[in-house]
Amino acid sequence: MRKTVILTVNVHGLGPEAAEAPEAGLFGRFAHGRYTYRIGLWRLLDSLAAQRVKATFFWPVFEAERCRALLERCLADGHEVAAHGNAFEDHAGLGDGEAALLETAHARLAALSGIEPKGFRSPTGTLSPATISILDRLGYAYDSSFLDDDAPYSLAGDGGPRMVELPFAEGLADATHFRRRLTQARAEAFLVEELDALIDADSYACVTLHPRADLGVGRAARLLMLERLIARIRDRHGAALRLCREVAEECRQGGSVIWDGRPRS
């Protein structure tokens, strides 16, 4: 199987802060999230277009409602729009209301984008034991919320007989390093080290980006780091940059998930 990298973007603006405090009280505060709307996401989209790279954007309904023009630009550029919950809720604590929330968020994101999302990523990194089975019933092809493997695998054992897990890696997420206040040079070194190791291990890597100013790549200097990482993916590894939905479809063969010639469950 050809070496594959999926480039994913978690669209986080003010949503993480608004989940903890009334939105009306956020004016003039938490400017790092507002940066996403004003320049961070526009700049990231411009950079990806210049490099002819397509990515999978995980959109919470909260953010899609607030920046329709950016959602439309994302679609116009050929990127995949995937689901990222409603408003940064913790799925582990939703209980009996989880199914209704997922159904409502799914329908709203489909209405906003004109396309039913085929992928899901937890907005807080947590799922309940029922989440995967609900997503499977709604027609999702993949989830990308777990950190428990280095390559795609079947979710049949977790309630998703038609679904694939596309795991992501903390070491390949910008937020992991910038949250720790690392310099850009140190963050880039860690990203490169993780990228090289994952591709060599299983011919698969998932890069996760955020367009915020604090823990993401929205600032101009950090986008140069991303450009070098994309060049490394292409030139050193000869890897293909793919959309999540393409990878999920390709590795499903019959009732199994096959990756790098091996069944994965």
Protein backbone atom coordinates (compact mmCIF):
# COMPACT_ATOMS: atom_id res chain seq x y z
CA MET A 1 0.00 0.00 0.00
CA ARG A 2 1.26 3.47 -0.83
CA LYS A 3 2.38 5.60 2.08
CA THR A 4 -0.54 7.78 3.14
CA VAL A 5 -0.90 10.95 5.19
CA ILE A 6 -4.23 12.50 6.09
CA LEU A 7 -4.10 16.21 6.85
CA THR A 8 -6.91 17.13 9.24
CA VAL A 9 -8.05 20.49 10.64
CA ASN A 10 -10.10 20.94 13.80
CA VAL A 11 -12.04 24.16 13.25
CA HIS A 12 -11.85 25.76 16.69
CA GLY A 13 -12.69 29.42 17.12
CA LEU A 14 -14.46 30.68 20.23
CA GLY A 15 -16.27 27.36 20.63
CA PRO A 16 -14.01 25.83 23.33
CA GLU A 17 -14.35 28.95 25.49
CA ALA A 18 -18.08 29.34 24.84
CA ALA A 19 -18.64 25.79 26.09
CA GLU A 20 -17.31 26.90 29.49
CA ALA A 21 -18.75 30.43 29.78
CA PRO A 22 -21.72 32.37 28.36
CA GLU A 23 -20.84 33.57 24.87
CA ALA A 24 -22.07 37.10 25.63
CA GLY A 25 -19.32 37.42 28.22
CA LEU A 26 -16.53 36.49 25.83
CA PHE A 27 -16.42 39.76 23.94
CA GLY A 28 -12.95 41.26 24.20
CA ARG A 29 -11.60 38.07 25.78
CA PHE A 30 -9.97 34.89 24.47
CA ALA A 31 -8.79 36.62 21.31
CA HIS A 32 -6.87 33.55 20.25
CA GLY A 33 -10.16 31.89 19.32
CA ARG A 34 -11.49 34.95 17.53
CA TYR A 35 -8.27 34.95 15.48
CA THR A 36 -9.59 31.86 13.68
CA TYR A 37 -12.47 33.83 12.14
CA ARG A 38 -10.58 37.02 11.34
CA ILE A 39 -7.45 35.60 9.73
CA GLY A 40 -6.26 32.17 10.92
CA LEU A 41 -8.58 29.95 8.90
CA TRP A 42 -8.45 32.18 5.82
CA ARG A 43 -4.66 32.06 5.93
CA LEU A 44 -4.58 28.28 6.34
CA LEU A 45 -6.95 27.82 3.40
CA ASP A 46 -4.78 30.11 1.25
CA SER A 47 -1.68 28.11 2.17
CA LEU A 48 -3.27 24.77 1.35
CA ALA A 49 -4.53 26.12 -1.99
CA ALA A 50 -1.05 27.38 -2.89
CA GLN A 51 0.38 23.93 -2.14
CA ARG A 52 -2.47 22.10 -3.91
CA VAL A 53 -3.29 20.13 -0.80
CA LYS A 54 -6.75 18.88 0.13
CA ALA A 55 -7.54 18.35 3.80
CA THR A 56 -10.37 17.06 5.98
CA PHE A 57 -11.92 19.83 8.09
CA PHE A 58 -13.78 18.76 11.21
CA TRP A 59 -16.50 21.38 11.75
CA PRO A 60 -18.51 21.77 14.96
CA VAL A 61 -21.97 23.14 14.20
CA PHE A 62 -21.18 26.03 16.58
CA GLU A 63 -18.36 27.19 14.30
CA ALA A 64 -20.11 26.43 11.01
CA GLU A 65 -23.01 28.65 12.07
CA ARG A 66 -20.68 31.56 12.84
CA CYS A 67 -18.44 31.55 9.78
CA ARG A 68 -20.53 30.46 6.83
CA ALA A 69 -18.20 32.17 4.35
CA LEU A 70 -15.28 30.08 5.60
CA LEU A 71 -17.32 26.89 5.38
CA GLU A 72 -18.25 27.78 1.79
CA ARG A 73 -14.61 28.54 0.96
CA CYS A 74 -13.63 25.18 2.42
CA LEU A 75 -16.12 23.40 0.17
CA ALA A 76 -15.21 25.46 -2.90
CA ASP A 77 -11.55 24.50 -2.48
CA GLY A 78 -12.42 20.81 -2.54
CA HIS A 79 -11.76 20.00 1.10
CA GLU A 80 -13.78 17.41 2.98
CA VAL A 81 -16.24 18.65 5.60
CA ALA A 82 -16.58 16.21 8.50
CA ALA A 83 -18.47 16.39 11.79
CA HIS A 84 -17.02 17.59 15.08
CA GLY A 85 -20.05 17.61 17.32
CA ASN A 86 -22.46 20.43 18.05
CA ALA A 87 -20.88 22.86 20.52
CA PHE A 88 -17.86 21.18 22.13
CA GLU A 89 -19.88 18.87 24.33
CA ASP A 90 -18.32 15.98 26.25
CA HIS A 91 -19.90 12.85 24.78
CA ALA A 92 -18.90 10.77 27.78
CA GLY A 93 -21.39 12.73 29.88
CA LEU A 94 -24.37 13.13 27.53
CA GLY A 95 -26.17 9.96 28.61
CA ASP A 96 -29.57 9.34 27.04
CA GLY A 97 -29.43 12.66 25.19
CA GLU A 98 -26.45 11.71 23.05
CA ALA A 99 -28.38 10.17 20.15
CA ALA A 100 -30.66 13.18 19.74
CA LEU A 101 -27.73 15.59 19.88
CA LEU A 102 -25.76 13.65 17.24
CA GLU A 103 -28.79 13.40 15.00
CA THR A 104 -29.50 17.14 15.25
CA ALA A 105 -25.85 18.13 14.72
CA HIS A 106 -25.56 15.77 11.75
CA ALA A 107 -28.66 17.20 10.08
CA ARG A 108 -27.60 20.80 10.70
CA LEU A 109 -24.07 20.36 9.33
CA ALA A 110 -25.52 18.60 6.27
CA ALA A 111 -27.92 21.50 5.73
CA LEU A 112 -25.14 24.09 6.09
CA SER A 113 -22.70 22.32 3.78
CA GLY A 114 -25.10 20.66 1.36
CA ILE A 115 -23.33 17.32 1.92
CA GLU A 116 -23.92 14.67 4.56
CA PRO A 117 -20.69 14.26 6.57
CA LYS A 118 -19.12 10.80 6.44
CA GLY A 119 -16.59 11.28 9.21
CA PHE A 120 -16.65 12.25 12.88
CA ARG A 121 -14.12 13.39 15.44
CA SER A 122 -15.01 13.96 19.07
CA PRO A 123 -14.92 17.67 19.95
CA THR A 124 -13.33 16.98 23.35
CA GLY A 125 -11.52 13.70 22.70
CA THR A 126 -14.05 11.60 24.59
CA LEU A 127 -16.78 9.22 23.41
CA SER A 128 -19.40 7.18 25.21
CA PRO A 129 -19.84 3.42 24.74
CA ALA A 130 -22.85 4.24 22.52
CA THR A 131 -21.26 6.86 20.23
CA ILE A 132 -19.93 4.58 17.51
CA SER A 133 -23.17 2.64 17.14
CA ILE A 134 -25.13 5.92 16.80
CA LEU A 135 -22.70 7.17 14.16
CA ASP A 136 -22.95 3.88 12.28
CA ARG A 137 -26.74 4.15 12.23
CA LEU A 138 -26.47 7.70 10.85
CA GLY A 139 -24.36 6.45 7.95
CA TYR A 140 -20.86 7.52 9.00
CA ALA A 141 -18.00 5.72 7.28
CA TYR A 142 -15.26 6.56 9.77
CA ASP A 143 -14.33 8.01 13.12
CA SER A 144 -11.05 9.78 13.94
CA SER A 145 -11.19 10.25 17.70
CA PHE A 146 -8.92 7.54 19.05
CA LEU A 147 -5.21 7.45 19.90
CA ASP A 148 -5.02 3.71 20.49
CA ASP A 149 -3.27 2.56 17.31
CA ASP A 150 -0.90 3.69 14.57
CA ALA A 151 -2.97 2.61 11.55
CA PRO A 152 -6.63 2.30 10.45
CA TYR A 153 -8.72 -0.52 11.90
CA SER A 154 -12.30 -1.80 11.97
CA LEU A 155 -14.81 -0.44 14.48
CA ALA A 156 -17.04 -3.53 14.26
CA GLY A 157 -16.12 -4.50 17.81
CA ASP A 158 -17.12 -1.07 19.07
CA GLY A 159 -20.58 -0.99 17.51
CA GLY A 160 -19.67 0.24 14.03
CA PRO A 161 -19.69 -2.75 11.66
CA ARG A 162 -19.54 -0.43 8.62
CA MET A 163 -17.02 1.99 10.09
CA VAL A 164 -13.26 2.48 10.05
CA GLU A 165 -11.19 4.15 12.74
CA LEU A 166 -8.58 6.57 11.40
CA PRO A 167 -6.51 7.16 14.54
CA PHE A 168 -4.67 10.39 15.11
CA ALA A 169 -1.40 10.94 16.98
CA GLU A 170 -0.82 13.49 19.72
CA GLY A 171 2.73 13.96 18.49
CA LEU A 172 1.43 15.07 15.09
CA ALA A 173 -1.01 17.64 16.48
CA ASP A 174 0.11 21.27 16.59
CA ALA A 175 -1.82 21.89 19.80
CA THR A 176 0.18 19.25 21.69
CA HIS A 177 3.38 21.23 21.30
CA PHE A 178 2.16 24.82 21.32
CA ARG A 179 0.06 24.18 24.41
CA ARG A 180 3.33 23.39 26.17
CA ARG A 181 4.74 26.77 25.11
CA LEU A 182 7.48 25.22 22.99
CA THR A 183 9.35 27.37 20.53
CA GLN A 184 8.39 26.93 16.89
CA ALA A 185 11.71 25.23 16.17
CA ARG A 186 11.17 22.69 18.97
CA ALA A 187 7.57 22.06 17.92
CA GLU A 188 8.66 21.48 14.33
CA ALA A 189 11.38 19.06 15.43
CA PHE A 190 8.86 16.98 17.39
CA LEU A 191 6.39 16.97 14.47
CA VAL A 192 9.07 15.81 12.04
CA GLU A 193 10.28 13.08 14.39
CA GLU A 194 6.75 11.73 14.87
CA LEU A 195 5.93 11.94 11.16
CA ASP A 196 9.01 10.00 10.11
CA ALA A 197 8.47 7.28 12.72
CA LEU A 198 4.78 6.74 11.93
CA ILE A 199 5.20 6.57 8.17
CA ASP A 200 8.09 4.13 8.52
CA ALA A 201 6.12 1.98 10.98
CA ASP A 202 2.77 1.58 9.20
CA SER A 203 2.80 3.72 6.03
CA TYR A 204 0.18 5.97 7.69
CA ALA A 205 0.15 9.25 9.58
CA CYS A 206 -2.55 11.70 10.62
CA VAL A 207 -1.54 15.36 10.98
CA THR A 208 -3.94 17.46 13.07
CA LEU A 209 -4.01 21.25 12.83
CA HIS A 210 -5.92 24.13 14.42
CA PRO A 211 -6.30 27.61 12.89
CA ARG A 212 -6.11 29.41 16.25
CA ALA A 213 -3.33 31.81 17.19
CA ASP A 214 -2.36 30.26 20.52
CA LEU A 215 -2.14 26.51 20.03
CA GLY A 216 -2.49 26.29 16.26
CA VAL A 217 -0.84 27.20 12.97
CA GLY A 218 -2.88 30.29 12.17
CA ARG A 219 0.05 32.69 12.48
CA ALA A 220 2.17 33.37 9.40
CA ALA A 221 5.45 32.08 10.83
CA ARG A 222 3.87 28.78 11.83
CA LEU A 223 2.47 28.22 8.36
CA LEU A 224 6.05 28.16 7.06
CA MET A 225 6.59 25.21 9.39
CA LEU A 226 3.54 23.49 7.90
CA GLU A 227 4.82 24.10 4.36
CA ARG A 228 8.10 22.40 5.23
CA LEU A 229 6.23 19.46 6.78
CA ILE A 230 4.13 19.01 3.63
CA ALA A 231 7.26 19.15 1.48
CA ARG A 232 8.81 16.44 3.66
CA ILE A 233 5.72 14.24 3.28
CA ARG A 234 5.95 14.51 -0.48
CA ASP A 235 9.68 14.62 -1.14
CA ARG A 236 11.33 12.51 1.57
CA HIS A 237 8.56 9.95 2.05
CA GLY A 238 6.85 10.01 -1.34
CA ALA A 239 3.56 9.79 0.55
CA ALA A 240 0.13 10.67 -0.80
CA LEU A 241 -1.89 13.35 0.98
CA ARG A 242 -5.43 11.97 1.05
CA LEU A 243 -8.87 12.89 2.37
CA CYS A 244 -10.16 10.85 5.28
CA ARG A 245 -13.20 9.62 3.39
CA GLU A 246 -10.96 8.33 0.56
CA VAL A 247 -8.75 6.38 2.95
CA ALA A 248 -11.72 4.92 4.82
CA GLU A 249 -13.33 3.78 1.58
CA GLU A 250 -10.13 2.29 0.21
CA CYS A 251 -9.21 0.22 3.25
CA ARG A 252 -12.67 -1.32 3.64
CA GLN A 253 -12.69 -4.54 1.66
CA GLY A 254 -15.84 -6.59 2.00
CA GLY A 255 -16.61 -6.85 5.69
CA SER A 256 -13.02 -6.24 6.78
CA VAL A 257 -10.56 -3.40 7.11
CA ILE A 258 -7.28 -4.11 5.36
CA TRP A 259 -4.25 -1.90 5.85
CA ASP A 260 -0.83 -2.54 4.36
CA GLY A 261 -2.00 -6.00 3.32
CA ARG A 262 -3.18 -7.02 6.80
CA PRO A 263 -6.66 -7.35 8.33
CA ARG A 264 -7.09 -4.76 11.06
CA SER A 265 -9.65 -5.20 13.84
